[in-house]
Protein backbone atom coordinates (compact mmCIF):
# COMPACT_ATOMS: atom_id res chain seq x y z
CA MET A 1 0.07 0.10 -0.24
CA ASN A 2 2.86 1.91 0.71
CA ARG A 3 4.26 2.04 -2.70
CA LEU A 4 1.39 2.51 -4.00
CA LEU A 5 0.75 5.74 -1.88
CA ALA A 6 3.80 6.62 -2.98
CA THR A 7 3.41 6.55 -7.33
CA SER A 8 0.04 8.54 -6.05
CA VAL A 9 1.66 11.46 -4.01
CA LEU A 10 2.43 14.39 -7.07
CA PRO A 11 2.42 18.02 -6.90
CA VAL A 12 -0.59 20.17 -6.87
CA VAL A 13 1.33 22.90 -8.07
CA TYR A 14 4.43 22.31 -10.70
CA GLN A 15 6.86 24.87 -10.78
CA SER A 16 7.74 23.84 -14.65
CA ARG A 17 7.31 21.80 -17.31
CA GLU A 18 10.59 19.87 -16.67
CA ASP A 19 9.19 19.48 -12.72
CA LEU A 20 5.99 17.90 -14.39
CA GLN A 21 8.12 15.63 -16.38
CA HIS A 22 10.43 14.70 -13.66
CA TRP A 23 7.33 13.59 -11.35
CA ARG A 24 5.37 11.89 -14.20
CA LEU A 25 8.18 9.76 -15.02
CA GLU A 26 9.36 8.99 -11.58
CA GLN A 27 5.90 7.70 -10.79
CA HIS A 28 5.13 6.09 -14.30
CA SER A 29 8.50 4.02 -13.63
CA ALA A 30 7.17 3.21 -9.73
CA LEU A 31 3.86 1.90 -11.51
CA GLU A 32 5.44 -0.52 -13.93
CA THR A 33 8.01 -1.73 -11.45
CA MET A 34 5.25 -3.02 -8.94
CA ALA A 35 3.04 -4.43 -12.01
CA ALA A 36 6.12 -6.19 -13.12
CA GLU A 37 6.74 -7.78 -9.43
CA GLY A 38 3.56 -8.41 -9.32
CA VAL A 39 2.43 -6.32 -6.57
CA SER A 40 -0.92 -6.43 -5.29
CA VAL A 41 -2.88 -4.10 -3.11
CA ASP A 42 -6.50 -5.61 -2.00
CA ALA A 43 -9.29 -3.17 -2.65
CA THR A 44 -12.00 -5.43 -0.62
CA SER A 45 -11.62 -4.24 2.74
CA GLN A 46 -9.40 -0.89 2.88
CA LEU A 47 -9.23 2.28 1.01
CA VAL A 48 -6.74 2.62 -1.88
CA PRO A 49 -5.15 5.94 -2.74
CA THR A 50 -6.91 8.02 -5.83
CA ALA A 51 -5.15 8.94 -8.52
CA PHE A 52 -6.61 12.44 -8.67
CA PHE A 53 -3.14 14.57 -9.38
CA TRP A 54 -2.73 12.28 -12.80
CA ALA A 55 -5.08 14.00 -14.65
CA TYR A 56 -3.50 17.49 -13.92
CA GLN A 57 -0.54 16.89 -15.94
CA GLY A 58 -1.97 17.35 -19.94
CA LEU A 59 -0.93 14.09 -20.72
CA ASN A 60 -2.43 10.45 -21.57
CA ASP A 61 -2.82 8.73 -18.66
CA SER A 62 -4.31 5.21 -19.99
CA GLN A 63 -1.26 3.57 -19.71
CA ALA A 64 -0.44 4.62 -15.93
CA MET A 65 -3.74 4.16 -15.00
CA ALA A 66 -4.05 0.76 -16.46
CA LEU A 67 -0.62 -0.22 -14.48
CA ARG A 68 -3.04 1.00 -11.31
CA GLY A 69 -5.94 -1.42 -12.46
CA ARG A 70 -3.25 -4.41 -12.33
CA ILE A 71 -1.78 -3.45 -8.87
CA VAL A 72 -5.33 -2.86 -7.17
CA VAL A 73 -6.90 -5.89 -7.03
CA GLY A 74 -10.84 -5.62 -6.01
CA SER A 75 -13.51 -8.35 -5.68
CA ALA A 76 -14.69 -9.35 -9.31
CA GLU A 77 -17.89 -11.79 -8.14
CA ALA A 78 -19.19 -13.33 -11.34
CA ASN A 79 -22.65 -14.21 -9.59
CA LEU A 80 -24.54 -11.33 -9.67
CA GLN A 81 -28.16 -11.01 -10.69
CA SER A 82 -28.87 -10.49 -14.44
CA ILE A 83 -30.54 -7.39 -16.58
CA ALA A 84 -34.22 -7.05 -14.98
CA ASN A 85 -36.14 -8.82 -17.16
CA GLU A 86 -33.91 -11.83 -17.27
CA ARG A 87 -33.61 -12.02 -13.28
CA PRO A 88 -34.52 -15.55 -12.07
CA ASN A 89 -38.08 -16.38 -10.46
CA GLY A 90 -39.00 -13.05 -12.52
CA GLU A 91 -42.14 -13.00 -10.82
CA SER A 92 -42.05 -8.76 -9.99
CA SER A 93 -44.29 -6.85 -12.43
CA ASP A 94 -41.51 -3.95 -12.21
CA ARG A 95 -39.56 -5.03 -15.02
CA ARG A 96 -37.57 -1.56 -15.11
CA ILE A 97 -33.70 -1.48 -15.43
CA ARG A 98 -32.61 -0.78 -11.67
CA VAL A 99 -29.93 1.90 -12.50
CA GLY A 100 -27.86 3.09 -9.52
CA PHE A 101 -25.65 6.51 -9.79
CA LEU A 102 -22.87 6.42 -7.20
CA SER A 103 -21.11 9.71 -5.38
CA ALA A 104 -19.89 11.05 -2.35
CA TYR A 105 -20.68 14.35 -3.76
CA PHE A 106 -24.83 14.71 -4.27
CA ARG A 107 -25.06 17.50 -2.87
CA ASN A 108 -24.61 21.51 -3.55
CA HIS A 109 -21.12 20.52 -5.40
CA THR A 110 -20.04 20.00 -9.00
CA ILE A 111 -21.16 16.82 -8.85
CA GLY A 112 -24.60 17.42 -7.43
CA ARG A 113 -25.30 19.85 -10.23
CA LEU A 114 -24.01 17.90 -12.92
CA ASN A 115 -26.48 15.14 -11.64
CA ILE A 116 -29.72 16.25 -10.47
CA GLY A 117 -31.30 16.85 -13.76
CA ARG A 118 -30.52 13.00 -14.32
CA ILE A 119 -31.92 11.99 -11.38
CA GLU A 120 -34.85 13.92 -11.37
CA LYS A 121 -36.03 13.48 -15.07
CA LEU A 122 -34.66 9.80 -16.20
CA ASP A 123 -38.28 8.07 -17.46
CA ARG A 124 -39.35 5.98 -14.67
CA SER A 125 -41.25 3.69 -17.08
CA ARG A 126 -37.96 2.52 -18.21
CA PHE A 127 -35.96 3.02 -15.34
CA HIS A 128 -35.99 2.44 -11.39
CA VAL A 129 -33.07 5.22 -10.24
CA THR A 130 -31.15 4.25 -6.98
CA VAL A 131 -29.05 7.31 -5.77
CA CYS A 132 -25.95 5.36 -3.44
CA ALA A 133 -24.67 8.51 -1.51
CA ALA A 134 -21.55 7.88 -0.22
CA SER A 135 -21.38 10.43 2.35
CA SER A 136 -24.42 11.86 4.56
CA SER A 137 -25.20 15.54 3.69
CA ASP A 138 -28.15 17.85 4.54
CA ASP A 139 -28.77 20.79 2.26
CA GLU A 140 -30.99 22.02 -0.60
CA PHE A 141 -29.28 19.85 -3.07
CA SER A 142 -28.89 16.62 -0.95
CA ARG A 143 -32.71 16.60 -0.13
CA ARG A 144 -33.46 16.73 -4.10
CA PHE A 145 -31.55 13.80 -4.37
CA GLN A 146 -33.25 11.82 -1.53
CA ASN A 147 -36.69 13.21 -2.99
CA GLY A 148 -35.90 12.92 -6.67
CA ALA A 149 -35.01 8.66 -6.10
CA ASP A 150 -37.17 5.71 -6.24
CA GLU A 151 -34.49 4.90 -3.94
CA TYR A 152 -31.86 6.74 -1.83
CA VAL A 153 -29.34 4.81 -0.08
CA VAL A 154 -26.30 5.80 2.10
CA ILE A 155 -23.26 3.64 1.54
CA PRO A 156 -21.25 2.82 4.78
CA ARG A 157 -17.69 4.39 4.29
CA ASP A 158 -16.52 0.69 5.24
CA VAL A 159 -14.97 -0.96 1.95
CA LYS A 160 -16.38 -4.06 2.73
CA ALA A 161 -19.86 -2.70 4.09
CA ALA A 162 -20.12 -0.59 0.89
CA ILE A 163 -19.75 -3.42 -1.90
CA ALA A 164 -21.81 -5.56 0.15
CA ALA A 165 -24.56 -2.87 0.32
CA LEU A 166 -24.28 -2.14 -3.31
CA ARG A 167 -24.54 -6.16 -4.34
CA GLN A 168 -27.88 -6.36 -2.17
CA LEU A 169 -29.25 -3.74 -4.36
CA GLU A 170 -29.49 -6.11 -7.34
CA LEU A 171 -28.80 -3.70 -9.66
CA ASP A 172 -28.78 -3.60 -13.50
CA VAL A 173 -26.45 -1.01 -14.14
CA LEU A 174 -24.15 1.08 -11.39
CA LEU A 175 -23.00 4.41 -13.00
CA PHE A 176 -20.22 6.06 -10.92
CA ALA A 177 -20.79 9.70 -11.52
CA ASP A 178 -16.75 10.80 -10.42
CA VAL A 179 -13.77 8.26 -9.57
CA GLY A 180 -10.68 9.87 -8.95
CA MET A 181 -11.98 12.24 -6.47
CA ASP A 182 -13.22 10.45 -3.46
CA ALA A 183 -11.05 7.44 -1.47
CA LEU A 184 -14.09 5.10 -1.24
CA CYS A 185 -15.72 5.50 -4.63
CA SER A 186 -12.10 5.49 -6.45
CA THR A 187 -11.62 1.70 -4.14
CA LEU A 188 -14.87 0.57 -4.97
CA ALA A 189 -14.41 0.85 -8.44
CA PHE A 190 -11.99 -2.34 -8.70
CA SER A 191 -14.77 -4.13 -7.25
CA ARG A 192 -17.97 -5.44 -9.24
CA MET A 193 -20.91 -4.71 -7.56
CA ALA A 194 -23.56 -5.03 -10.49
CA PRO A 195 -23.56 -6.96 -14.04
CA VAL A 196 -23.05 -3.63 -16.09
CA GLN A 197 -20.28 -0.62 -14.79
CA CYS A 198 -19.73 2.68 -15.93
CA VAL A 199 -18.21 6.04 -14.99
CA THR A 200 -18.76 9.54 -16.75
CA TRP A 201 -17.24 12.42 -17.00
CA GLY A 202 -17.20 14.00 -13.21
CA HIS A 203 -13.40 13.57 -12.93
CA PRO A 204 -13.11 13.11 -16.63
CA GLU A 205 -10.38 10.45 -16.34
CA THR A 206 -10.06 6.57 -17.39
CA THR A 207 -10.18 4.54 -14.17
CA GLY A 208 -7.83 2.08 -15.00
CA SER A 209 -10.02 -0.69 -13.49
CA PRO A 210 -10.58 -4.28 -15.36
CA THR A 211 -13.93 -4.12 -13.82
CA MET A 212 -14.95 -0.82 -15.05
CA ASP A 213 -17.26 -1.06 -18.66
CA TYR A 214 -17.84 1.77 -19.81
CA PHE A 215 -17.13 5.29 -20.12
CA LEU A 216 -19.87 7.46 -21.00
CA SER A 217 -18.69 10.62 -23.18
CA SER A 218 -19.95 12.41 -25.71
CA GLU A 219 -19.28 13.20 -29.92
CA LEU A 220 -19.43 17.06 -28.49
CA LEU A 221 -16.18 16.20 -25.89
CA ASP A 222 -14.47 13.32 -27.29
CA GLU A 223 -13.13 12.06 -30.93
CA PRO A 224 -13.11 8.71 -32.19
CA TYR A 225 -9.49 8.25 -31.82
CA ALA A 226 -10.31 9.06 -28.31
CA GLN A 227 -10.67 5.49 -27.36
CA GLU A 228 -7.27 5.37 -26.82
CA HIS A 229 -7.78 7.50 -23.95
CA TYR A 230 -9.82 4.88 -22.08
CA THR A 231 -9.19 1.66 -20.53
CA GLU A 232 -12.94 1.30 -20.59
CA THR A 233 -15.15 0.95 -23.64
CA LEU A 234 -15.50 4.60 -25.07
CA VAL A 235 -19.26 5.82 -25.59
CA ARG A 236 -19.41 8.70 -26.99
CA MET A 237 -23.25 9.91 -26.69
CA PRO A 238 -24.74 12.20 -29.72
CA LEU A 239 -25.22 14.73 -25.92
CA THR A 240 -23.15 15.47 -22.89
CA GLY A 241 -26.36 13.18 -21.01
CA THR A 242 -26.44 16.06 -18.21
CA SER A 243 -29.54 18.04 -17.91
CA TYR A 244 -27.98 21.06 -16.02
CA GLU A 245 -30.05 23.82 -14.64
CA ARG A 246 -29.48 27.48 -15.59
CA PRO A 247 -28.39 29.72 -13.04
CA GLN A 248 -30.08 33.08 -12.30
CA VAL A 249 -27.97 35.98 -12.78
CA PRO A 250 -27.66 37.29 -9.42
CA ALA A 251 -28.83 40.82 -7.76
CA ASP A 252 -26.42 43.56 -8.14
CA PRO A 253 -23.45 41.59 -10.05
CA GLU A 254 -21.41 45.09 -10.10
CA SER A 255 -21.36 44.61 -6.03
CA ILE A 256 -18.63 42.30 -5.98
CA ARG A 257 -16.18 45.02 -7.10
CA ARG A 258 -16.13 45.84 -3.40
CA LEU A 259 -13.42 43.11 -3.34
CA PRO A 260 -9.90 44.55 -2.95
CA GLY A 261 -8.44 44.62 -6.30
CA LEU A 262 -11.90 44.59 -8.54
CA GLU A 263 -12.03 48.25 -7.88
CA GLY A 264 -11.16 50.39 -10.65
CA SER A 265 -11.80 50.53 -14.42
CA GLY A 266 -9.17 48.20 -16.74
CA PRO A 267 -10.28 44.91 -18.54
CA ILE A 268 -10.54 42.12 -15.97
CA TYR A 269 -10.14 38.78 -17.09
CA GLY A 270 -11.18 35.70 -14.95
CA CYS A 271 -9.55 32.54 -14.66
CA PRO A 272 -11.17 31.53 -11.05
CA GLN A 273 -10.37 27.75 -11.35
CA SER A 274 -8.57 25.40 -8.65
CA LEU A 275 -5.09 26.24 -8.83
CA PHE A 276 -4.29 22.38 -9.74
CA LYS A 277 -5.72 23.05 -12.97
CA PHE A 278 -2.89 26.10 -13.80
CA HIS A 279 -0.40 23.95 -15.51
CA PRO A 280 2.53 25.29 -16.48
CA ASP A 281 1.83 25.97 -20.32
CA ASP A 282 -0.69 28.39 -18.81
CA ASP A 283 1.68 30.64 -18.24
CA ILE A 284 2.81 31.46 -21.58
CA VAL A 285 -1.10 32.67 -22.25
CA LEU A 286 -1.21 34.43 -19.09
CA ARG A 287 1.88 36.50 -19.52
CA GLY A 288 1.15 37.44 -23.44
CA ILE A 289 -2.30 39.01 -22.45
CA LEU A 290 -0.99 40.97 -19.53
CA LYS A 291 1.93 41.98 -21.72
CA ALA A 292 -0.65 42.91 -24.57
CA ASP A 293 -2.80 44.62 -22.02
CA PRO A 294 -1.24 46.93 -19.82
CA GLN A 295 -4.35 47.93 -17.87
CA GLY A 296 -5.48 44.48 -17.80
CA ARG A 297 -5.69 42.33 -14.44
CA ILE A 298 -6.36 38.54 -14.49
CA VAL A 299 -8.33 37.18 -11.44
CA VAL A 300 -7.97 34.16 -9.80
CA ILE A 301 -9.23 32.56 -6.65
CA GLU A 302 -7.47 31.50 -3.57
CA GLY A 303 -6.28 27.64 -3.07
CA ARG A 304 -8.41 25.94 -0.15
CA VAL A 305 -5.04 24.81 1.33
CA PRO A 306 -2.81 27.93 1.80
CA GLU A 307 0.46 26.52 0.60
CA TRP A 308 -1.05 25.76 -3.06
CA THR A 309 -1.31 29.52 -3.21
CA LYS A 310 2.17 30.13 -2.01
CA ARG A 311 3.31 27.58 -4.57
CA LEU A 312 1.63 29.22 -7.50
CA ARG A 313 2.76 32.31 -6.73
CA SER A 314 6.34 31.53 -6.38
CA ARG A 315 6.11 30.37 -9.78
CA TRP A 316 4.60 33.08 -11.01
CA GLN A 317 7.50 35.07 -9.30
CA LYS A 318 9.81 33.64 -11.90
CA THR A 319 7.86 32.79 -14.82
CA LEU A 320 5.55 36.12 -14.57
CA ALA A 321 7.94 38.34 -12.97
CA ASP A 322 7.52 41.63 -14.61
CA VAL A 323 3.37 41.24 -14.81
CA GLN A 324 2.70 39.14 -12.00
CA ASP A 325 1.46 42.58 -9.88
CA ARG A 326 -1.29 42.38 -12.14
CA ILE A 327 -2.74 38.91 -10.82
CA VAL A 328 -5.02 39.42 -8.12
CA PHE A 329 -5.97 36.40 -5.90
CA LEU A 330 -9.53 36.45 -4.23
CA PRO A 331 -10.28 34.62 -1.32
CA ALA A 332 -12.90 31.63 -1.42
CA ILE A 333 -16.28 33.57 -1.99
CA ALA A 334 -19.90 32.16 -2.27
CA ASN A 335 -21.68 30.69 -4.82
CA ASN A 336 -23.45 33.68 -5.59
CA ASP A 337 -20.54 36.10 -5.26
CA TYR A 338 -18.61 33.85 -7.66
CA LEU A 339 -21.59 33.91 -10.31
CA ARG A 340 -21.62 38.18 -10.14
CA LEU A 341 -17.84 37.52 -10.72
CA LEU A 342 -18.19 35.64 -13.73
CA ARG A 343 -20.68 37.90 -14.77
CA ILE A 344 -18.46 41.47 -14.44
CA CYS A 345 -15.54 39.76 -16.14
CA ASP A 346 -14.75 40.96 -19.50
CA VAL A 347 -13.34 37.44 -20.68
CA ILE A 348 -13.37 34.32 -18.85
CA LEU A 349 -9.72 31.98 -19.53
CA ASP A 350 -10.40 28.28 -19.79
CA PRO A 351 -7.40 26.70 -18.84
CA LEU A 352 -5.40 24.64 -21.58
CA HIS A 353 -5.13 21.28 -20.23
CA PHE A 354 -7.92 20.80 -17.49
CA GLY A 355 -10.49 23.63 -18.69
CA GLY A 356 -13.67 24.17 -17.22
CA GLY A 357 -16.90 21.92 -17.02
CA ASN A 358 -19.38 23.27 -14.30
CA SER A 359 -17.55 26.38 -14.70
CA SER A 360 -17.95 27.53 -18.04
CA TYR A 361 -21.63 26.00 -17.68
CA GLU A 362 -22.17 29.00 -15.24
CA ALA A 363 -20.12 31.51 -17.17
CA LEU A 364 -22.02 31.40 -20.21
CA ALA A 365 -25.37 31.92 -18.17
CA MET A 366 -23.74 34.74 -16.62
CA GLY A 367 -23.54 35.66 -20.37
CA THR A 368 -19.65 36.07 -20.88
CA PRO A 369 -17.30 34.81 -23.30
CA VAL A 370 -14.77 31.78 -22.61
CA ILE A 371 -11.77 31.70 -24.36
CA THR A 372 -10.87 28.00 -25.08
CA LEU A 373 -8.14 26.00 -26.76
CA PRO A 374 -9.34 22.72 -26.48
CA SER A 375 -6.50 20.07 -25.51
CA PRO A 376 -6.83 16.49 -27.04
CA PHE A 377 -8.10 14.85 -23.57
CA LEU A 378 -12.21 15.28 -22.70
CA ARG A 379 -10.91 17.28 -19.67
CA GLY A 380 -9.82 20.19 -22.06
CA ARG A 381 -12.73 19.93 -24.14
CA ILE A 382 -15.64 20.72 -22.51
CA THR A 383 -16.07 24.05 -23.14
CA ALA A 384 -15.28 23.95 -26.68
CA GLY A 385 -18.45 20.87 -26.47
CA LEU A 386 -20.56 23.47 -24.81
CA TYR A 387 -19.98 25.92 -27.99
CA ARG A 388 -20.62 23.43 -30.26
CA LYS A 389 -23.93 22.16 -29.06
CA MET A 390 -24.82 26.43 -28.96
CA GLN A 391 -23.50 26.50 -32.78
CA MET A 392 -21.18 29.10 -32.24
CA ILE A 393 -17.47 28.36 -32.21
CA ASN A 394 -16.29 32.46 -31.84
CA CYS A 395 -14.20 31.57 -29.04
CA ILE A 396 -12.70 28.37 -29.68
CA VAL A 397 -9.30 28.82 -30.73
CA ASN A 398 -6.35 26.81 -32.62
CA THR A 399 -3.64 28.37 -31.12
CA THR A 400 -1.82 30.32 -28.13
CA ASP A 401 -1.24 33.30 -30.08
CA GLU A 402 -4.67 33.02 -31.69
CA TYR A 403 -6.04 32.54 -27.73
CA ILE A 404 -4.06 36.11 -26.60
CA ALA A 405 -5.74 37.84 -29.11
CA LEU A 406 -9.13 36.94 -28.88
CA ALA A 407 -8.98 37.28 -25.05
CA VAL A 408 -7.34 40.63 -25.56
CA ARG A 409 -9.68 42.00 -28.16
CA LEU A 410 -12.72 41.00 -26.24
CA ALA A 411 -11.51 42.90 -23.08
CA LYS A 412 -10.79 46.02 -25.09
CA ASP A 413 -13.00 45.91 -27.67
CA GLN A 414 -16.16 47.04 -26.55
CA ALA A 415 -18.38 46.26 -29.33
CA PHE A 416 -16.97 43.36 -30.12
CA ARG A 417 -17.56 42.07 -26.57
CA GLN A 418 -21.02 42.99 -26.70
CA ALA A 419 -21.81 41.28 -29.76
CA ILE A 420 -20.40 38.00 -28.52
CA ARG A 421 -22.23 38.57 -25.32
CA ALA A 422 -25.60 39.24 -27.47
CA ARG A 423 -24.99 35.77 -29.02
CA ILE A 424 -24.13 33.97 -26.02
CA ALA A 425 -27.31 35.03 -24.49
CA ALA A 426 -29.11 34.30 -28.01
CA GLN A 427 -27.69 30.60 -28.20
CA SER A 428 -26.94 29.52 -24.64
CA ALA A 429 -30.32 28.08 -23.95
CA VAL A 430 -29.94 25.35 -25.50
CA LEU A 431 -27.35 24.32 -22.66
CA PHE A 432 -29.64 24.35 -20.04
CA ASP A 433 -32.56 22.15 -19.10
CA ASP A 434 -32.40 19.88 -22.02
CA PRO A 435 -35.05 17.11 -22.52
CA ALA A 436 -32.72 15.94 -24.88
CA GLU A 437 -29.65 15.20 -22.59
CA VAL A 438 -31.57 12.88 -20.60
CA ARG A 439 -32.97 10.82 -23.49
CA CYS A 440 -29.26 10.60 -24.73
CA LEU A 441 -28.29 9.27 -21.17
CA GLU A 442 -30.92 7.27 -21.32
CA ASN A 443 -30.51 5.54 -24.75
CA ALA A 444 -26.71 5.12 -23.65
CA LEU A 445 -27.77 2.91 -20.58
CA LEU A 446 -30.22 0.72 -22.00
CA CYS A 447 -27.36 0.05 -24.72
CA CYS A 448 -25.02 -0.61 -22.00
CA ALA A 449 -27.79 -3.01 -20.65
CA GLY A 450 -28.29 -4.47 -23.46
CA ASN A 451 -24.81 -5.49 -24.48
CA ARG A 452 -24.56 -7.33 -21.14
CA ARG A 453 -27.61 -9.46 -21.76
């Protein structure tokens, strides 16, 4: 276990591309050695460390995750119940597909926002929906998950008990809303609790698990060649499968300017992302923008761990030395203030390698343009996928030079910015509360279940 833990320890903020490559090669080599030696880590009775920070290196992790899948050994018990209408002694009149949704974040959280529409709107004539909450919460969202499910089960935080509890549900399909963020759900991903197990892009990274059958993605998010990024069978749904509720513009968005660093005039470029998304490559873009716009400020949010902020500041003192005084760090803010910030920014900057997901939905709902340069991997393609659904490609660029030029033009050219905002306002409705998204997910679940009949 200690050796596996060592391969999971990565810097939250890299100091350079060379620093990143050093850590990646060292940890990948350690995984190869463990796999070659036949080392195994039991995932049936203890939590295993997540591989959360691997996804922020901007590279293809399928080989590293596959190595983890050879090392981490769960329970692959084969005598599970079959699909609903093939159950033995099927006297029950309920022949719906029994689908379970598993996460530790079915609350006021990114995962909660991405999944509440699925839970509430999945067709109950075809599906019996069980919410498998791997944590206890009590807020507006968690109560909606409880009320919206046919069955709501709190999964125990003990691994053995959790595996048993999930198997007792006799699900046909178990959908992990995220793998890699929570230690219990990441551990459970290496065991079989249902005949069909799927994962989707709450954390957009392959699991490496031999018991995970499908990765549910989208034609909007992944190209056909992207199968090489996954150890699961890639399912490219026509849409994202996410019924996202449109956030409302909060009252008095200009009031956010009371915060230090937001006062006065001059363009505001927002990049209010988790600090571990700031890849060293992003510094090229940030520097280019601040050099091209001497009046501009870039706004970021401090890390939830002070050391993360300290490390990023330290890097930027070197890579952005002559412009870093125009980077504004805001303390953590409540969601309504976050939406106000998105609203008053002239432009939002999508990180190059791990861009926005929830935050891009929110920014577009606020009518604010998001500049994005899609990466080869899903984690850097979500914003572009939303724009493609909107049939609007104005803010999708192909190079870092285009990124810098478009960001500065949007921030400084008021007429151009207003025109883009008007297009976003006119075309963003397709992103929110779209029944077709839920139908899309239903078809994918039926297809995955049907493939195991």
